[in-house]
């Protein structure tokens, strides 16, 4: 691996680690959840599946495998904030009753999807393709969260910027390798991430109110 490639991998890893840590910190401090359910479930299943496959199936103790295992533990902490505070943002009594079963269903389906990617494309390509597709889901979900809340509650500029950097860097790496899928999906993520940063900044400064 070249120095540039290694640098991109390190920057991406650090950026996502800081995103997860800030989601945990902000979630417990503000008594809310910072990551919407669908991207959270996809992240949890992606990092759980690939860290398990590397460490316990292939017995490969690589830097990426260890990073995935650490991220999985951080995802569990974020999931705790979802269970502790997510129900408070549900409007109807029926939704409150179905809150836990719905969450479990989304997590199970996410694991099934990740297993399908692993089975159909293998560990290397499946890991890349599923990661970029779920990053699109994450980018759109954060925009939707901002629209729903009409405030910056549970959202910070650090999360917004680092989330963008964490996706841009592997996009550059995939482009250097000639991967068109990563280039296009990475650009899609970048567009939505930049929109989120801009709208978050405007909402913070009360220049606009999303959804009004």
Protein backbone atom coordinates (compact mmCIF):
# COMPACT_ATOMS: atom_id res chain seq x y z
CA UNK A 1 0.00 0.00 0.00
CA UNK A 2 1.38 3.41 -0.99
CA UNK A 3 1.79 6.27 1.44
CA UNK A 4 -1.15 8.16 -0.09
CA UNK A 5 -3.42 5.11 0.15
CA UNK A 6 -2.38 4.49 3.74
CA UNK A 7 -2.99 8.14 4.61
CA UNK A 8 -6.50 8.02 3.11
CA UNK A 9 -7.31 4.85 5.07
CA UNK A 10 -6.05 6.37 8.34
CA UNK A 11 -7.94 9.64 7.84
CA UNK A 12 -11.14 7.77 7.03
CA UNK A 13 -10.76 5.50 10.07
CA UNK A 14 -10.09 8.38 12.45
CA UNK A 15 -12.96 10.42 11.02
CA UNK A 16 -15.54 7.66 11.48
CA UNK A 17 -14.22 6.90 14.97
CA UNK A 18 -14.72 10.53 15.95
CA UNK A 19 -18.21 10.53 14.39
CA UNK A 20 -19.25 7.57 16.53
CA UNK A 21 -17.68 9.01 19.68
CA UNK A 22 -19.41 12.36 19.17
CA UNK A 23 -22.73 10.57 18.55
CA UNK A 24 -22.31 8.81 21.91
CA UNK A 25 -21.19 11.94 23.75
CA UNK A 26 -23.91 14.16 22.31
CA UNK A 27 -26.59 11.49 22.69
CA UNK A 28 -26.06 10.99 26.39
CA UNK A 29 -25.47 14.69 27.04
CA UNK A 30 -28.63 15.83 25.25
CA UNK A 31 -30.61 12.68 26.13
CA UNK A 32 -31.38 11.86 22.54
CA UNK A 33 -30.16 9.70 19.67
CA UNK A 34 -27.79 11.13 17.09
CA UNK A 35 -27.86 8.46 14.39
CA UNK A 36 -31.12 7.44 12.69
CA UNK A 37 -32.14 3.80 13.00
CA UNK A 38 -31.58 2.54 9.46
CA UNK A 39 -27.96 3.69 9.03
CA UNK A 40 -27.26 2.64 12.62
CA UNK A 41 -28.57 -0.88 11.95
CA UNK A 42 -26.62 -1.11 8.69
CA UNK A 43 -23.43 0.06 10.40
CA UNK A 44 -23.93 -2.33 13.29
CA UNK A 45 -24.43 -5.29 10.97
CA UNK A 46 -21.61 -4.31 8.57
CA UNK A 47 -19.00 -3.86 11.27
CA UNK A 48 -20.21 -6.81 13.31
CA UNK A 49 -20.27 -9.19 10.33
CA UNK A 50 -16.91 -8.25 8.83
CA UNK A 51 -15.06 -8.07 12.13
CA UNK A 52 -16.44 -11.51 13.04
CA UNK A 53 -15.52 -12.93 9.63
CA UNK A 54 -11.96 -11.58 9.84
CA UNK A 55 -11.20 -12.33 13.48
CA UNK A 56 -13.05 -15.61 14.06
CA UNK A 57 -13.53 -17.23 10.65
CA UNK A 58 -10.40 -16.27 8.71
CA UNK A 59 -8.36 -15.62 11.89
CA UNK A 60 -6.98 -12.47 10.26
CA UNK A 61 -5.96 -9.93 12.89
CA UNK A 62 -5.56 -6.99 10.53
CA UNK A 63 -5.82 -3.28 11.30
CA UNK A 64 -9.14 -3.13 9.42
CA UNK A 65 -10.53 -6.09 11.37
CA UNK A 66 -9.59 -4.49 14.68
CA UNK A 67 -11.05 -1.16 13.55
CA UNK A 68 -14.30 -2.88 12.57
CA UNK A 69 -14.46 -4.57 15.98
CA UNK A 70 -13.92 -1.24 17.77
CA UNK A 71 -16.55 0.44 15.59
CA UNK A 72 -18.97 -2.37 16.35
CA UNK A 73 -18.56 -1.69 20.08
CA UNK A 74 -19.16 2.01 19.49
CA UNK A 75 -22.25 1.16 17.42
CA UNK A 76 -23.60 -0.82 20.37
CA UNK A 77 -23.21 2.30 22.53
CA UNK A 78 -25.07 4.37 19.92
CA UNK A 79 -27.78 1.70 19.84
CA UNK A 80 -28.14 2.10 23.60
CA UNK A 81 -28.90 5.82 23.12
CA UNK A 82 -31.52 4.81 20.54
CA UNK A 83 -33.24 2.44 22.98
CA UNK A 84 -32.99 4.87 25.89
CA UNK A 85 -34.13 8.06 24.17
CA UNK A 86 -35.63 7.15 20.80
CA UNK A 87 -39.09 6.29 22.10
CA UNK A 88 -39.51 9.86 23.40
CA UNK A 89 -39.61 11.15 19.82
CA UNK A 90 -42.35 8.73 18.77
CA UNK A 91 -45.73 10.42 18.53
CA UNK A 92 -48.42 7.71 18.84
CA UNK A 93 -48.98 5.06 21.50
CA UNK A 94 -48.99 2.32 18.83
CA UNK A 95 -45.54 3.37 17.63
CA UNK A 96 -44.30 3.27 21.23
CA UNK A 97 -45.61 -0.28 21.65
CA UNK A 98 -43.92 -1.35 18.42
CA UNK A 99 -40.71 0.57 19.08
CA UNK A 100 -38.63 -2.40 20.27
CA UNK A 101 -40.00 -4.99 17.80
CA UNK A 102 -39.55 -2.53 14.93
CA UNK A 103 -35.97 -1.84 15.96
CA UNK A 104 -35.18 -5.55 16.20
CA UNK A 105 -36.75 -6.14 12.77
CA UNK A 106 -34.64 -3.40 11.15
CA UNK A 107 -31.45 -4.76 12.73
CA UNK A 108 -32.24 -8.35 11.64
CA UNK A 109 -33.02 -7.27 8.07
CA UNK A 110 -29.78 -5.26 7.99
CA UNK A 111 -27.78 -8.33 8.98
CA UNK A 112 -29.54 -10.39 6.30
CA UNK A 113 -28.68 -7.80 3.65
CA UNK A 114 -25.03 -7.71 4.71
CA UNK A 115 -24.83 -11.51 4.64
CA UNK A 116 -26.27 -11.48 1.11
CA UNK A 117 -23.62 -8.99 -0.02
CA UNK A 118 -20.92 -11.13 1.54
CA UNK A 119 -22.30 -14.29 -0.09
CA UNK A 120 -22.80 -12.80 -3.56
CA UNK A 121 -19.73 -10.57 -3.88
CA UNK A 122 -17.22 -12.02 -1.43
CA UNK A 123 -15.59 -10.35 1.55
CA UNK A 124 -13.51 -7.78 -0.36
CA UNK A 125 -16.00 -6.48 -2.93
CA UNK A 126 -19.03 -7.07 -0.73
CA UNK A 127 -17.48 -5.00 2.03
CA UNK A 128 -16.82 -2.08 -0.33
CA UNK A 129 -20.12 -2.07 -2.20
CA UNK A 130 -22.36 -2.48 0.84
CA UNK A 131 -20.40 0.22 2.71
CA UNK A 132 -20.95 2.85 0.02
CA UNK A 133 -24.62 1.99 -0.45
CA UNK A 134 -25.28 2.29 3.28
CA UNK A 135 -23.35 5.57 3.34
CA UNK A 136 -25.92 6.92 0.89
CA UNK A 137 -28.65 5.77 3.27
CA UNK A 138 -26.83 7.50 6.12
CA UNK A 139 -26.38 10.76 4.23
CA UNK A 140 -30.07 10.94 3.31
CA UNK A 141 -31.19 9.85 6.79
CA UNK A 142 -29.26 12.64 8.51
CA UNK A 143 -30.86 15.20 6.21
CA UNK A 144 -34.26 13.75 7.04
CA UNK A 145 -33.46 13.86 10.77
CA UNK A 146 -32.68 17.56 10.47
CA UNK A 147 -35.98 18.09 8.64
CA UNK A 148 -37.98 16.16 11.24
CA UNK A 149 -36.50 17.87 14.26
CA UNK A 150 -36.32 21.36 12.71
CA UNK A 151 -33.42 21.97 15.08
CA UNK A 152 -29.84 20.89 15.68
CA UNK A 153 -30.79 18.64 18.59
CA UNK A 154 -28.60 15.56 18.57
CA UNK A 155 -26.58 16.89 15.64
CA UNK A 156 -23.21 18.62 15.62
CA UNK A 157 -21.07 20.18 12.94
CA UNK A 158 -18.27 17.79 13.96
CA UNK A 159 -20.46 14.80 13.08
CA UNK A 160 -21.50 16.40 9.79
CA UNK A 161 -18.00 17.33 8.62
CA UNK A 162 -16.23 14.19 9.83
CA UNK A 163 -18.92 11.98 8.31
CA UNK A 164 -18.27 13.68 4.99
CA UNK A 165 -14.49 13.31 5.30
CA UNK A 166 -14.87 9.68 6.35
CA UNK A 167 -16.61 8.92 3.04
CA UNK A 168 -14.64 11.22 0.74
CA UNK A 169 -11.30 9.61 1.58
CA UNK A 170 -12.24 6.02 0.61
CA UNK A 171 -13.99 7.48 -2.45
CA UNK A 172 -10.66 8.96 -3.54
CA UNK A 173 -8.95 5.65 -2.82
CA UNK A 174 -11.52 3.68 -4.83
CA UNK A 175 -11.24 6.15 -7.69
CA UNK A 176 -7.46 5.71 -7.69
CA UNK A 177 -8.09 1.98 -8.08
CA UNK A 178 -10.40 2.60 -11.05
CA UNK A 179 -13.62 1.54 -9.32
CA UNK A 180 -16.52 3.33 -11.08
CA UNK A 181 -19.12 2.11 -8.55
CA UNK A 182 -17.22 3.70 -5.66
CA UNK A 183 -16.66 6.91 -7.64
CA UNK A 184 -20.35 7.40 -8.47
CA UNK A 185 -21.75 6.35 -5.08
CA UNK A 186 -19.06 8.41 -3.36
CA UNK A 187 -20.08 11.50 -5.33
CA UNK A 188 -23.73 10.91 -4.39
CA UNK A 189 -22.74 10.70 -0.72
CA UNK A 190 -20.65 13.85 -1.03
CA UNK A 191 -23.53 15.85 -2.52
CA UNK A 192 -25.92 14.87 0.28
CA UNK A 193 -23.22 15.36 2.94
CA UNK A 194 -22.46 18.89 1.72
CA UNK A 195 -26.18 19.70 1.67
CA UNK A 196 -26.43 18.44 5.24
CA UNK A 197 -23.50 20.58 6.35
CA UNK A 198 -25.00 23.67 4.69
CA UNK A 199 -28.51 23.13 6.07
CA UNK A 200 -27.17 22.31 9.53
CA UNK A 201 -25.19 25.54 9.50
CA UNK A 202 -28.26 27.52 8.39
CA UNK A 203 -30.48 25.95 11.03
CA UNK A 204 -27.85 26.62 13.71
CA UNK A 205 -27.89 30.28 12.70
CA UNK A 206 -31.70 30.29 12.37
CA UNK A 207 -31.44 31.44 8.77
CA UNK A 208 -34.04 28.86 7.74
CA UNK A 209 -36.40 26.42 9.38
CA UNK A 210 -36.50 23.08 7.60
CA UNK A 211 -39.98 21.87 6.74
CA UNK A 212 -41.80 25.21 7.15
